[in-house]
Amino acid sequence: MAIINCPRCGKRISDLSKVCAHCSLPLGEMSEHDIEQLERQRWRKRIYIARNVTYLGMTALVVGAIWWFMVGTGGLVLPPPPLSVILLALGAVVYLGGRGWLLWLRMKRNRPH
């Protein structure tokens, strides 16, 4: 008896089980083509999530820049307000992390076969 990952949800299950306990995927009736399709779907879902993370980072950057511009009476003020600095820094980190994740997912070794 070995522990394998479910092709659909990726959770750990026994190789003797006929159905995944987490997502109810019938395991015994799957061909190699079906398993490859499920792997591609999981990869596309990860790409989708990574893109949304980068959009969240860009949004935080834009909101931080607008906040910095709108707080002062004469446009950009120095020193910048703490909230705008936090939003700008957080947005930059989240954006760069999301882009790094996207690049990692698109590497040939991480793509489904």
PDB file of N, CA and C in Angstrom:
ATOM      1  N   MET A   1       0.848  -1.181   0.000  1.00  0.00           N
ATOM      2  CA  MET A   1       0.000   0.000   0.000  1.00  0.00           C
ATOM      3  C   MET A   1       0.891   1.240   0.000  1.00  0.00           C
ATOM      4  N   ALA A   2       0.646   2.116  -0.943  1.00  0.00           N
ATOM      5  CA  ALA A   2       1.424   3.342  -1.064  1.00  0.00           C
ATOM      6  C   ALA A   2       0.479   4.536  -1.033  1.00  0.00           C
ATOM      7  N   ILE A   3       1.051   5.676  -0.721  1.00  0.00           N
ATOM      8  CA  ILE A   3       0.302   6.931  -0.716  1.00  0.00           C
ATOM      9  C   ILE A   3       0.613   7.652  -2.028  1.00  0.00           C
ATOM     10  N   ILE A   4      -0.433   8.028  -2.743  1.00  0.00           N
ATOM     11  CA  ILE A   4      -0.282   8.759  -4.002  1.00  0.00           C
ATOM     12  C   ILE A   4      -1.054  10.071  -3.906  1.00  0.00           C
ATOM     13  N   ASN A   5      -0.843  10.937  -4.871  1.00  0.00           N
ATOM     14  CA  ASN A   5      -1.599  12.186  -4.954  1.00  0.00           C
ATOM     15  C   ASN A   5      -2.746  12.009  -5.935  1.00  0.00           C
ATOM     16  N   CYS A   6      -3.910  12.524  -5.565  1.00  0.00           N
ATOM     17  CA  CYS A   6      -5.071  12.466  -6.450  1.00  0.00           C
ATOM     18  C   CYS A   6      -4.789  13.324  -7.688  1.00  0.00           C
ATOM     19  N   PRO A   7      -5.090  12.838  -8.885  1.00  0.00           N
ATOM     20  CA  PRO A   7      -4.833  13.622 -10.097  1.00  0.00           C
ATOM     21  C   PRO A   7      -5.653  14.905 -10.186  1.00  0.00           C
ATOM     22  N   ARG A   8      -6.834  14.950  -9.581  1.00  0.00           N
ATOM     23  CA  ARG A   8      -7.677  16.134  -9.674  1.00  0.00           C
ATOM     24  C   ARG A   8      -7.353  17.149  -8.584  1.00  0.00           C
ATOM     25  N   CYS A   9      -7.424  16.727  -7.317  1.00  0.00           N
ATOM     26  CA  CYS A   9      -7.293  17.691  -6.219  1.00  0.00           C
ATOM     27  C   CYS A   9      -5.891  17.748  -5.629  1.00  0.00           C
ATOM     28  N   GLY A  10      -5.061  16.751  -5.891  1.00  0.00           N
ATOM     29  CA  GLY A  10      -3.698  16.764  -5.405  1.00  0.00           C
ATOM     30  C   GLY A  10      -3.536  16.331  -3.957  1.00  0.00           C
ATOM     31  N   LYS A  11      -4.612  15.917  -3.301  1.00  0.00           N
ATOM     32  CA  LYS A  11      -4.529  15.469  -1.906  1.00  0.00           C
ATOM     33  C   LYS A  11      -3.949  14.060  -1.862  1.00  0.00           C
ATOM     34  N   ARG A  12      -3.397  13.701  -0.706  1.00  0.00           N
ATOM     35  CA  ARG A  12      -2.790  12.382  -0.531  1.00  0.00           C
ATOM     36  C   ARG A  12      -3.867  11.341  -0.247  1.00  0.00           C
ATOM     37  N   ILE A  13      -3.811  10.237  -1.006  1.00  0.00           N
ATOM     38  CA  ILE A  13      -4.773   9.145  -0.838  1.00  0.00           C
ATOM     39  C   ILE A  13      -4.036   7.815  -0.990  1.00  0.00           C
ATOM     40  N   SER A  14      -4.698   6.750  -0.608  1.00  0.00           N
ATOM     41  CA  SER A  14      -4.142   5.414  -0.761  1.00  0.00           C
ATOM     42  C   SER A  14      -4.258   4.972  -2.218  1.00  0.00           C
ATOM     43  N   ASP A  15      -3.283   4.208  -2.671  1.00  0.00           N
ATOM     44  CA  ASP A  15      -3.356   3.717  -4.048  1.00  0.00           C
ATOM     45  C   ASP A  15      -4.359   2.579  -4.201  1.00  0.00           C
ATOM     46  N   LEU A  16      -4.847   2.032  -3.101  1.00  0.00           N
ATOM     47  CA  LEU A  16      -5.838   0.962  -3.155  1.00  0.00           C
ATOM     48  C   LEU A  16      -7.268   1.479  -3.237  1.00  0.00           C
ATOM     49  N   SER A  17      -7.476   2.747  -2.919  1.00  0.00           N
ATOM     50  CA  SER A  17      -8.839   3.283  -2.931  1.00  0.00           C
ATOM     51  C   SER A  17      -9.327   3.441  -4.368  1.00  0.00           C
ATOM     52  N   LYS A  18     -10.608   3.218  -4.560  1.00  0.00           N
ATOM     53  CA  LYS A  18     -11.220   3.307  -5.889  1.00  0.00           C
ATOM     54  C   LYS A  18     -11.721   4.710  -6.201  1.00  0.00           C
ATOM     55  N   VAL A  19     -11.995   5.493  -5.123  1.00  0.00           N
ATOM     56  CA  VAL A  19     -12.541   6.839  -5.265  1.00  0.00           C
ATOM     57  C   VAL A  19     -11.776   7.753  -4.318  1.00  0.00           C
ATOM     58  N   CYS A  20     -11.445   8.957  -4.770  1.00  0.00           N
ATOM     59  CA  CYS A  20     -10.793   9.934  -3.901  1.00  0.00           C
ATOM     60  C   CYS A  20     -11.775  10.375  -2.825  1.00  0.00           C
ATOM     61  N   ALA A  21     -11.333  10.359  -1.577  1.00  0.00           N
ATOM     62  CA  ALA A  21     -12.200  10.743  -0.466  1.00  0.00           C
ATOM     63  C   ALA A  21     -12.445  12.246  -0.424  1.00  0.00           C
ATOM     64  N   HIS A  22     -11.615  13.035  -1.085  1.00  0.00           N
ATOM     65  CA  HIS A  22     -11.728  14.489  -1.027  1.00  0.00           C
ATOM     66  C   HIS A  22     -12.591  15.063  -2.151  1.00  0.00           C
ATOM     67  N   CYS A  23     -12.403  14.542  -3.378  1.00  0.00           N
ATOM     68  CA  CYS A  23     -13.117  15.123  -4.527  1.00  0.00           C
ATOM     69  C   CYS A  23     -14.023  14.123  -5.241  1.00  0.00           C
ATOM     70  N   SER A  24     -14.104  12.902  -4.759  1.00  0.00           N
ATOM     71  CA  SER A  24     -14.968  11.844  -5.312  1.00  0.00           C
ATOM     72  C   SER A  24     -14.622  11.471  -6.755  1.00  0.00           C
ATOM     73  N   LEU A  25     -13.368  11.586  -7.122  1.00  0.00           N
ATOM     74  CA  LEU A  25     -12.925  11.204  -8.458  1.00  0.00           C
ATOM     75  C   LEU A  25     -12.748   9.687  -8.517  1.00  0.00           C
ATOM     76  N   PRO A  26     -13.402   9.002  -9.469  1.00  0.00           N
ATOM     77  CA  PRO A  26     -13.186   7.554  -9.594  1.00  0.00           C
ATOM     78  C   PRO A  26     -11.794   7.288 -10.169  1.00  0.00           C
ATOM     79  N   LEU A  27     -10.964   6.596  -9.417  1.00  0.00           N
ATOM     80  CA  LEU A  27      -9.566   6.426  -9.807  1.00  0.00           C
ATOM     81  C   LEU A  27      -9.322   5.204 -10.681  1.00  0.00           C
ATOM     82  N   GLY A  28     -10.047   4.138 -10.462  1.00  0.00           N
ATOM     83  CA  GLY A  28      -9.775   2.904 -11.184  1.00  0.00           C
ATOM     84  C   GLY A  28     -10.115   2.967 -12.658  1.00  0.00           C
ATOM     85  N   GLU A  29     -10.994   3.856 -13.062  1.00  0.00           N
ATOM     86  CA  GLU A  29     -11.484   3.896 -14.435  1.00  0.00           C
ATOM     87  C   GLU A  29     -10.776   4.939 -15.298  1.00  0.00           C
ATOM     88  N   MET A  30      -9.702   5.526 -14.806  1.00  0.00           N
ATOM     89  CA  MET A  30      -9.052   6.618 -15.531  1.00  0.00           C
ATOM     90  C   MET A  30      -7.943   6.093 -16.433  1.00  0.00           C
ATOM     91  N   SER A  31      -7.904   6.623 -17.646  1.00  0.00           N
ATOM     92  CA  SER A  31      -6.819   6.291 -18.566  1.00  0.00           C
ATOM     93  C   SER A  31      -5.695   7.310 -18.381  1.00  0.00           C
ATOM     94  N   GLU A  32      -4.579   7.067 -19.030  1.00  0.00           N
ATOM     95  CA  GLU A  32      -3.452   8.003 -18.955  1.00  0.00           C
ATOM     96  C   GLU A  32      -3.835   9.359 -19.547  1.00  0.00           C
ATOM     97  N   HIS A  33      -4.640   9.332 -20.600  1.00  0.00           N
ATOM     98  CA  HIS A  33      -5.085  10.580 -21.228  1.00  0.00           C
ATOM     99  C   HIS A  33      -5.925  11.408 -20.254  1.00  0.00           C
ATOM    100  N   ASP A  34      -6.817  10.751 -19.510  1.00  0.00           N
ATOM    101  CA  ASP A  34      -7.646  11.459 -18.529  1.00  0.00           C
ATOM    102  C   ASP A  34      -6.791  12.073 -17.431  1.00  0.00           C
ATOM    103  N   ILE A  35      -5.784  11.344 -16.978  1.00  0.00           N
ATOM    104  CA  ILE A  35      -4.898  11.852 -15.928  1.00  0.00           C
ATOM    105  C   ILE A  35      -4.120  13.057 -16.440  1.00  0.00           C
ATOM    106  N   GLU A  36      -3.646  13.009 -17.685  1.00  0.00           N
ATOM    107  CA  GLU A  36      -2.927  14.145 -18.262  1.00  0.00           C
ATOM    108  C   GLU A  36      -3.834  15.361 -18.392  1.00  0.00           C
ATOM    109  N   GLN A  37      -5.097  15.140 -18.760  1.00  0.00           N
ATOM    110  CA  GLN A  37      -6.042  16.255 -18.848  1.00  0.00           C
ATOM    111  C   GLN A  37      -6.253  16.898 -17.480  1.00  0.00           C
ATOM    112  N   LEU A  38      -6.387  16.095 -16.452  1.00  0.00           N
ATOM    113  CA  LEU A  38      -6.565  16.635 -15.107  1.00  0.00           C
ATOM    114  C   LEU A  38      -5.333  17.403 -14.646  1.00  0.00           C
ATOM    115  N   GLU A  39      -4.142  16.902 -14.976  1.00  0.00           N
ATOM    116  CA  GLU A  39      -2.919  17.630 -14.637  1.00  0.00           C
ATOM    117  C   GLU A  39      -2.864  18.978 -15.350  1.00  0.00           C
ATOM    118  N   ARG A  40      -3.270  19.007 -16.621  1.00  0.00           N
ATOM    119  CA  ARG A  40      -3.297  20.276 -17.355  1.00  0.00           C
ATOM    120  C   ARG A  40      -4.292  21.248 -16.743  1.00  0.00           C
ATOM    121  N   GLN A  41      -5.453  20.733 -16.309  1.00  0.00           N
ATOM    122  CA  GLN A  41      -6.449  21.597 -15.669  1.00  0.00           C
ATOM    123  C   GLN A  41      -5.913  22.177 -14.369  1.00  0.00           C
ATOM    124  N   ARG A  42      -5.236  21.353 -13.573  1.00  0.00           N
ATOM    125  CA  ARG A  42      -4.649  21.852 -12.326  1.00  0.00           C
ATOM    126  C   ARG A  42      -3.587  22.905 -12.618  1.00  0.00           C
ATOM    127  N   TRP A  43      -2.776  22.700 -13.667  1.00  0.00           N
ATOM    128  CA  TRP A  43      -1.745  23.657 -14.028  1.00  0.00           C
ATOM    129  C   TRP A  43      -2.374  24.980 -14.475  1.00  0.00           C
ATOM    130  N   ARG A  44      -3.438  24.899 -15.281  1.00  0.00           N
ATOM    131  CA  ARG A  44      -4.127  26.117 -15.723  1.00  0.00           C
ATOM    132  C   ARG A  44      -4.733  26.866 -14.543  1.00  0.00           C
ATOM    133  N   LYS A  45      -5.265  26.140 -13.573  1.00  0.00           N
ATOM    134  CA  LYS A  45      -5.833  26.778 -12.389  1.00  0.00           C
ATOM    135  C   LYS A  45      -4.745  27.499 -11.598  1.00  0.00           C
ATOM    136  N   ARG A  46      -3.572  26.894 -11.494  1.00  0.00           N
ATOM    137  CA  ARG A  46      -2.464  27.557 -10.796  1.00  0.00           C
ATOM    138  C   ARG A  46      -2.022  28.808 -11.541  1.00  0.00           C
ATOM    139  N   ILE A  47      -1.977  28.742 -12.875  1.00  0.00           N
ATOM    140  CA  ILE A  47      -1.632  29.920 -13.679  1.00  0.00           C
ATOM    141  C   ILE A  47      -2.649  31.028 -13.430  1.00  0.00           C
ATOM    142  N   TYR A  48      -3.921  30.673 -13.402  1.00  0.00           N
ATOM    143  CA  TYR A  48      -4.996  31.638 -13.156  1.00  0.00           C
ATOM    144  C   TYR A  48      -4.825  32.299 -11.788  1.00  0.00           C
ATOM    145  N   ILE A  49      -4.531  31.524 -10.769  1.00  0.00           N
ATOM    146  CA  ILE A  49      -4.348  32.071  -9.426  1.00  0.00           C
ATOM    147  C   ILE A  49      -3.115  32.968  -9.383  1.00  0.00           C
ATOM    148  N   ALA A  50      -2.024  32.554 -10.028  1.00  0.00           N
ATOM    149  CA  ALA A  50      -0.813  33.372 -10.039  1.00  0.00           C
ATOM    150  C   ALA A  50      -1.056  34.699 -10.752  1.00  0.00           C
ATOM    151  N   ARG A  51      -1.819  34.680 -11.826  1.00  0.00           N
ATOM    152  CA  ARG A  51      -2.154  35.939 -12.508  1.00  0.00           C
ATOM    153  C   ARG A  51      -2.971  36.847 -11.600  1.00  0.00           C
ATOM    154  N   ASN A  52      -3.927  36.274 -10.893  1.00  0.00           N
ATOM    155  CA  ASN A  52      -4.740  37.085  -9.991  1.00  0.00           C
ATOM    156  C   ASN A  52      -3.906  37.665  -8.859  1.00  0.00           C
ATOM    157  N   VAL A  53      -2.898  36.941  -8.397  1.00  0.00           N
ATOM    158  CA  VAL A  53      -2.004  37.473  -7.369  1.00  0.00           C
ATOM    159  C   VAL A  53      -1.250  38.680  -7.914  1.00  0.00           C
ATOM    160  N   THR A  54      -0.788  38.610  -9.163  1.00  0.00           N
ATOM    161  CA  THR A  54      -0.090  39.764  -9.730  1.00  0.00           C
ATOM    162  C   THR A  54      -1.040  40.951  -9.898  1.00  0.00           C
ATOM    163  N   TYR A  55      -2.298  40.683 -10.263  1.00  0.00           N
ATOM    164  CA  TYR A  55      -3.267  41.777 -10.376  1.00  0.00           C
ATOM    165  C   TYR A  55      -3.532  42.411  -9.016  1.00  0.00           C
ATOM    166  N   LEU A  56      -3.576  41.604  -7.978  1.00  0.00           N
ATOM    167  CA  LEU A  56      -3.757  42.128  -6.625  1.00  0.00           C
ATOM    168  C   LEU A  56      -2.582  43.021  -6.237  1.00  0.00           C
ATOM    169  N   GLY A  57      -1.371  42.595  -6.577  1.00  0.00           N
ATOM    170  CA  GLY A  57      -0.193  43.408  -6.296  1.00  0.00           C
ATOM    171  C   GLY A  57      -0.211  44.724  -7.051  1.00  0.00           C
ATOM    172  N   MET A  58      -0.604  44.684  -8.331  1.00  0.00           N
ATOM    173  CA  MET A  58      -0.689  45.924  -9.109  1.00  0.00           C
ATOM    174  C   MET A  58      -1.742  46.859  -8.535  1.00  0.00           C
ATOM    175  N   THR A  59      -2.856  46.299  -8.089  1.00  0.00           N
ATOM    176  CA  THR A  59      -3.913  47.117  -7.492  1.00  0.00           C
ATOM    177  C   THR A  59      -3.417  47.794  -6.230  1.00  0.00           C
ATOM    178  N   ALA A  60      -2.692  47.058  -5.390  1.00  0.00           N
ATOM    179  CA  ALA A  60      -2.149  47.656  -4.167  1.00  0.00           C
ATOM    180  C   ALA A  60      -1.153  48.759  -4.506  1.00  0.00           C
ATOM    181  N   LEU A  61      -0.343  48.564  -5.541  1.00  0.00           N
ATOM    182  CA  LEU A  61       0.589  49.612  -5.962  1.00  0.00           C
ATOM    183  C   LEU A  61      -0.148  50.873  -6.406  1.00  0.00           C
ATOM    184  N   VAL A  62      -1.164  50.707  -7.213  1.00  0.00           N
ATOM    185  CA  VAL A  62      -1.915  51.861  -7.718  1.00  0.00           C
ATOM    186  C   VAL A  62      -2.642  52.571  -6.583  1.00  0.00           C
ATOM    187  N   VAL A  63      -3.275  51.810  -5.700  1.00  0.00           N
ATOM    188  CA  VAL A  63      -3.989  52.427  -4.576  1.00  0.00           C
ATOM    189  C   VAL A  63      -3.009  53.160  -3.669  1.00  0.00           C
ATOM    190  N   GLY A  64      -1.840  52.572  -3.428  1.00  0.00           N
ATOM    191  CA  GLY A  64      -0.834  53.246  -2.609  1.00  0.00           C
ATOM    192  C   GLY A  64      -0.355  54.546  -3.235  1.00  0.00           C
ATOM    193  N   ALA A  65      -0.141  54.534  -4.551  1.00  0.00           N
ATOM    194  CA  ALA A  65       0.296  55.756  -5.234  1.00  0.00           C
ATOM    195  C   ALA A  65      -0.794  56.816  -5.216  1.00  0.00           C
ATOM    196  N   ILE A  66      -2.044  56.418  -5.443  1.00  0.00           N
ATOM    197  CA  ILE A  66      -3.152  57.378  -5.402  1.00  0.00           C
ATOM    198  C   ILE A  66      -3.321  57.926  -3.993  1.00  0.00           C
ATOM    199  N   TRP A  67      -3.204  57.049  -2.992  1.00  0.00           N
ATOM    200  CA  TRP A  67      -3.330  57.494  -1.596  1.00  0.00           C
ATOM    201  C   TRP A  67      -2.261  58.531  -1.273  1.00  0.00           C
ATOM    202  N   TRP A  68      -1.033  58.287  -1.708  1.00  0.00           N
ATOM    203  CA  TRP A  68       0.063  59.208  -1.453  1.00  0.00           C
ATOM    204  C   TRP A  68      -0.212  60.551  -2.128  1.00  0.00           C
ATOM    205  N   PHE A  69      -0.747  60.517  -3.340  1.00  0.00           N
ATOM    206  CA  PHE A  69      -1.015  61.744  -4.070  1.00  0.00           C
ATOM    207  C   PHE A  69      -2.192  62.518  -3.482  1.00  0.00           C
ATOM    208  N   MET A  70      -3.223  61.812  -3.026  1.00  0.00           N
ATOM    209  CA  MET A  70      -4.448  62.472  -2.581  1.00  0.00           C
ATOM    210  C   MET A  70      -4.393  62.967  -1.137  1.00  0.00           C
ATOM    211  N   VAL A  71      -3.501  62.417  -0.313  1.00  0.00           N
ATOM    212  CA  VAL A  71      -3.468  62.803   1.101  1.00  0.00           C
ATOM    213  C   VAL A  71      -2.999  64.244   1.263  1.00  0.00           C
ATOM    214  N   GLY A  72      -1.969  64.622   0.563  1.00  0.00           N
ATOM    215  CA  GLY A  72      -1.446  65.977   0.688  1.00  0.00           C
ATOM    216  C   GLY A  72      -2.296  66.984  -0.062  1.00  0.00           C
ATOM    217  N   THR A  73      -2.180  68.234   0.327  1.00  0.00           N
ATOM    218  CA  THR A  73      -2.952  69.269  -0.355  1.00  0.00           C
ATOM    219  C   THR A  73      -2.300  69.687  -1.667  1.00  0.00           C
ATOM    220  N   GLY A  74      -0.993  69.500  -1.769  1.00  0.00           N
ATOM    221  CA  GLY A  74      -0.296  69.929  -2.974  1.00  0.00           C
ATOM    222  C   GLY A  74       0.260  68.789  -3.788  1.00  0.00           C
ATOM    223  N   GLY A  75      -0.378  67.667  -3.779  1.00  0.00           N
ATOM    224  CA  GLY A  75       0.119  66.522  -4.546  1.00  0.00           C
ATOM    225  C   GLY A  75       0.980  65.623  -3.676  1.00  0.00           C
ATOM    226  N   LEU A  76       2.098  65.184  -4.222  1.00  0.00           N
ATOM    227  CA  LEU A  76       2.985  64.283  -3.487  1.00  0.00           C
ATOM    228  C   LEU A  76       3.673  65.037  -2.356  1.00  0.00           C
ATOM    229  N   VAL A  77       3.608  64.476  -1.169  1.00  0.00           N
ATOM    230  CA  VAL A  77       4.224  65.106   0.005  1.00  0.00           C
ATOM    231  C   VAL A  77       5.336  64.202   0.511  1.00  0.00           C
ATOM    232  N   LEU A  78       6.345  64.831   1.086  1.00  0.00           N
ATOM    233  CA  LEU A  78       7.429  64.090   1.728  1.00  0.00           C
ATOM    234  C   LEU A  78       7.444  64.440   3.201  1.00  0.00           C
ATOM    235  N   PRO A  79       7.565  63.535   4.068  1.00  0.00           N
ATOM    236  CA  PRO A  79       7.605  62.090   3.894  1.00  0.00           C
ATOM    237  C   PRO A  79       6.224  61.562   3.533  1.00  0.00           C
ATOM    238  N   PRO A  80       6.183  60.448   2.830  1.00  0.00           N
ATOM    239  CA  PRO A  80       4.888  59.893   2.422  1.00  0.00           C
ATOM    240  C   PRO A  80       4.111  59.355   3.616  1.00  0.00           C
ATOM    241  N   PRO A  81       2.793  59.330   3.524  1.00  0.00           N
ATOM    242  CA  PRO A  81       1.983  58.773   4.610  1.00  0.00           C
ATOM    243  C   PRO A  81       2.303  57.288   4.824  1.00  0.00           C
ATOM    244  N   PRO A  82       2.250  56.827   6.072  1.00  0.00           N
ATOM    245  CA  PRO A  82       2.612  55.426   6.351  1.00  0.00           C
ATOM    246  C   PRO A  82       1.750  54.404   5.605  1.00  0.00           C
ATOM    247  N   LEU A  83       0.454  54.673   5.459  1.00  0.00           N
ATOM    248  CA  LEU A  83      -0.411  53.715   4.773  1.00  0.00           C
ATOM    249  C   LEU A  83      -0.017  53.560   3.309  1.00  0.00           C
ATOM    250  N   SER A  84       0.344  54.651   2.665  1.00  0.00           N
ATOM    251  CA  SER A  84       0.738  54.543   1.259  1.00  0.00           C
ATOM    252  C   SER A  84       2.064  53.799   1.119  1.00  0.00           C
ATOM    253  N   VAL A  85       2.974  53.990   2.061  1.00  0.00           N
ATOM    254  CA  VAL A  85       4.240  53.255   2.015  1.00  0.00           C
ATOM    255  C   VAL A  85       3.987  51.759   2.176  1.00  0.00           C
ATOM    256  N   ILE A  86       3.098  51.418   3.115  1.00  0.00           N
ATOM    257  CA  ILE A  86       2.764  50.005   3.334  1.00  0.00           C
ATOM    258  C   ILE A  86       2.128  49.414   2.081  1.00  0.00           C
ATOM    259  N   LEU A  87       1.184  50.136   1.484  1.00  0.00           N
ATOM    260  CA  LEU A  87       0.528  49.632   0.273  1.00  0.00           C
ATOM    261  C   LEU A  87       1.508  49.493  -0.889  1.00  0.00           C
ATOM    262  N   LEU A  88       2.393  50.473  -1.050  1.00  0.00           N
ATOM    263  CA  LEU A  88       3.373  50.394  -2.129  1.00  0.00           C
ATOM    264  C   LEU A  88       4.332  49.223  -1.922  1.00  0.00           C
ATOM    265  N   ALA A  89       4.821  49.058  -0.706  1.00  0.00           N
ATOM    266  CA  ALA A  89       5.756  47.962  -0.433  1.00  0.00           C
ATOM    267  C   ALA A  89       5.069  46.607  -0.568  1.00  0.00           C
ATOM    268  N   LEU A  90       3.880  46.493   0.009  1.00  0.00           N
ATOM    269  CA  LEU A  90       3.144  45.236  -0.074  1.00  0.00           C
ATOM    270  C   LEU A  90       2.783  44.910  -1.523  1.00  0.00           C
ATOM    271  N   GLY A  91       2.354  45.911  -2.268  1.00  0.00           N
ATOM    272  CA  GLY A  91       2.022  45.697  -3.673  1.00  0.00           C
ATOM    273  C   GLY A  91       3.224  45.254  -4.485  1.00  0.00           C
ATOM    274  N   ALA A  92       4.385  45.867  -4.221  1.00  0.00           N
ATOM    275  CA  ALA A  92       5.591  45.480  -4.954  1.00  0.00           C
ATOM    276  C   ALA A  92       5.997  44.044  -4.636  1.00  0.00           C
ATOM    277  N   VAL A  93       5.948  43.681  -3.363  1.00  0.00           N
ATOM    278  CA  VAL A  93       6.332  42.320  -2.970  1.00  0.00           C
ATOM    279  C   VAL A  93       5.362  41.294  -3.547  1.00  0.00           C
ATOM    280  N   VAL A  94       4.062  41.570  -3.448  1.00  0.00           N
ATOM    281  CA  VAL A  94       3.060  40.627  -3.961  1.00  0.00           C
ATOM    282  C   VAL A  94       3.171  40.515  -5.478  1.00  0.00           C
ATOM    283  N   TYR A  95       3.366  41.634  -6.158  1.00  0.00           N
ATOM    284  CA  TYR A  95       3.488  41.594  -7.616  1.00  0.00           C
ATOM    285  C   TYR A  95       4.711  40.785  -8.044  1.00  0.00           C
ATOM    286  N   LEU A  96       5.858  41.074  -7.433  1.00  0.00           N
ATOM    287  CA  LEU A  96       7.070  40.344  -7.807  1.00  0.00           C
ATOM    288  C   LEU A  96       6.967  38.863  -7.451  1.00  0.00           C
ATOM    289  N   GLY A  97       6.344  38.564  -6.319  1.00  0.00           N
ATOM    290  CA  GLY A  97       6.138  37.162  -5.958  1.00  0.00           C
ATOM    291  C   GLY A  97       5.230  36.452  -6.944  1.00  0.00           C
ATOM    292  N   GLY A  98       4.163  37.110  -7.366  1.00  0.00           N
ATOM    293  CA  GLY A  98       3.255  36.522  -8.346  1.00  0.00           C
ATOM    294  C   GLY A  98       3.922  36.314  -9.693  1.00  0.00           C
ATOM    295  N   ARG A  99       4.733  37.283 -10.118  1.00  0.00           N
ATOM    296  CA  ARG A  99       5.437  37.126 -11.399  1.00  0.00           C
ATOM    297  C   ARG A  99       6.456  35.999 -11.319  1.00  0.00           C
ATOM    298  N   GLY A 100       7.139  35.902 -10.177  1.00  0.00           N
ATOM    299  CA  GLY A 100       8.079  34.796  -9.994  1.00  0.00           C
ATOM    300  C   GLY A 100       7.380  33.455 -10.036  1.00  0.00           C
ATOM    301  N   TRP A 101       6.212  33.383  -9.406  1.00  0.00           N
ATOM    302  CA  TRP A 101       5.426  32.146  -9.416  1.00  0.00           C
ATOM    303  C   TRP A 101       4.997  31.805 -10.843  1.00  0.00           C
ATOM    304  N   LEU A 102       4.569  32.825 -11.599  1.00  0.00           N
ATOM    305  CA  LEU A 102       4.184  32.588 -12.997  1.00  0.00           C
ATOM    306  C   LEU A 102       5.364  32.067 -13.818  1.00  0.00           C
ATOM    307  N   LEU A 103       6.526  32.671 -13.644  1.00  0.00           N
ATOM    308  CA  LEU A 103       7.698  32.201 -14.382  1.00  0.00           C
ATOM    309  C   LEU A 103       8.045  30.771 -13.995  1.00  0.00           C
ATOM    310  N   TRP A 104       7.939  30.460 -12.705  1.00  0.00           N
ATOM    311  CA  TRP A 104       8.234  29.110 -12.246  1.00  0.00           C
ATOM    312  C   TRP A 104       7.254  28.104 -12.841  1.00  0.00           C
ATOM    313  N   LEU A 105       5.970  28.472 -12.881  1.00  0.00           N
ATOM    314  CA  LEU A 105       4.965  27.568 -13.438  1.00  0.00           C
ATOM    315  C   LEU A 105       5.161  27.343 -14.936  1.00  0.00           C
ATOM    316  N   ARG A 106       5.675  28.329 -15.622  1.00  0.00           N
ATOM    317  CA  ARG A 106       5.814  28.221 -17.076  1.00  0.00           C
ATOM    318  C   ARG A 106       7.128  27.583 -17.507  1.00  0.00           C
ATOM    319  N   MET A 107       7.987  27.271 -16.553  1.00  0.00           N
ATOM    320  CA  MET A 107       9.209  26.552 -16.906  1.00  0.00           C
ATOM    321  C   MET A 107       8.829  25.183 -17.456  1.00  0.00           C
ATOM    322  N   LYS A 108       9.620  24.698 -18.381  1.00  0.00           N
ATOM    323  CA  LYS A 108       9.278  23.451 -19.065  1.00  0.00           C
ATOM    324  C   LYS A 108       9.133  22.280 -18.097  1.00  0.00           C
ATOM    325  N   ARG A 109       9.961  22.225 -17.066  1.00  0.00           N
ATOM    326  CA  ARG A 109       9.900  21.091 -16.136  1.00  0.00           C
ATOM    327  C   ARG A 109       8.655  21.118 -15.262  1.00  0.00           C
ATOM    328  N   ASN A 110       7.996  22.265 -15.125  1.00  0.00           N
ATOM    329  CA  ASN A 110       6.809  22.376 -14.282  1.00  0.00           C
ATOM    330  C   ASN A 110       5.510  22.287 -15.066  1.00  0.00           C
ATOM    331  N   ARG A 111       5.603  22.220 -16.375  1.00  0.00           N
ATOM    332  CA  ARG A 111       4.400  22.084 -17.199  1.00  0.00           C
ATOM    333  C   ARG A 111       3.953  20.633 -17.215  1.00  0.00           C
ATOM    334  N   PRO A 112       2.657  20.420 -17.376  1.00  0.00           N
ATOM    335  CA  PRO A 112       2.206  19.030 -17.516  1.00  0.00           C
ATOM    336  C   PRO A 112       2.683  18.456 -18.846  1.00  0.00           C
ATOM    337  N   HIS A 113       2.893  17.193 -18.865  1.00  0.00           N
ATOM    338  CA  HIS A 113       3.431  16.528 -20.062  1.00  0.00           C
ATOM    339  C   HIS A 113       2.393  16.333 -21.113  1.00  0.00           C
TER     340      HIS A 113
END
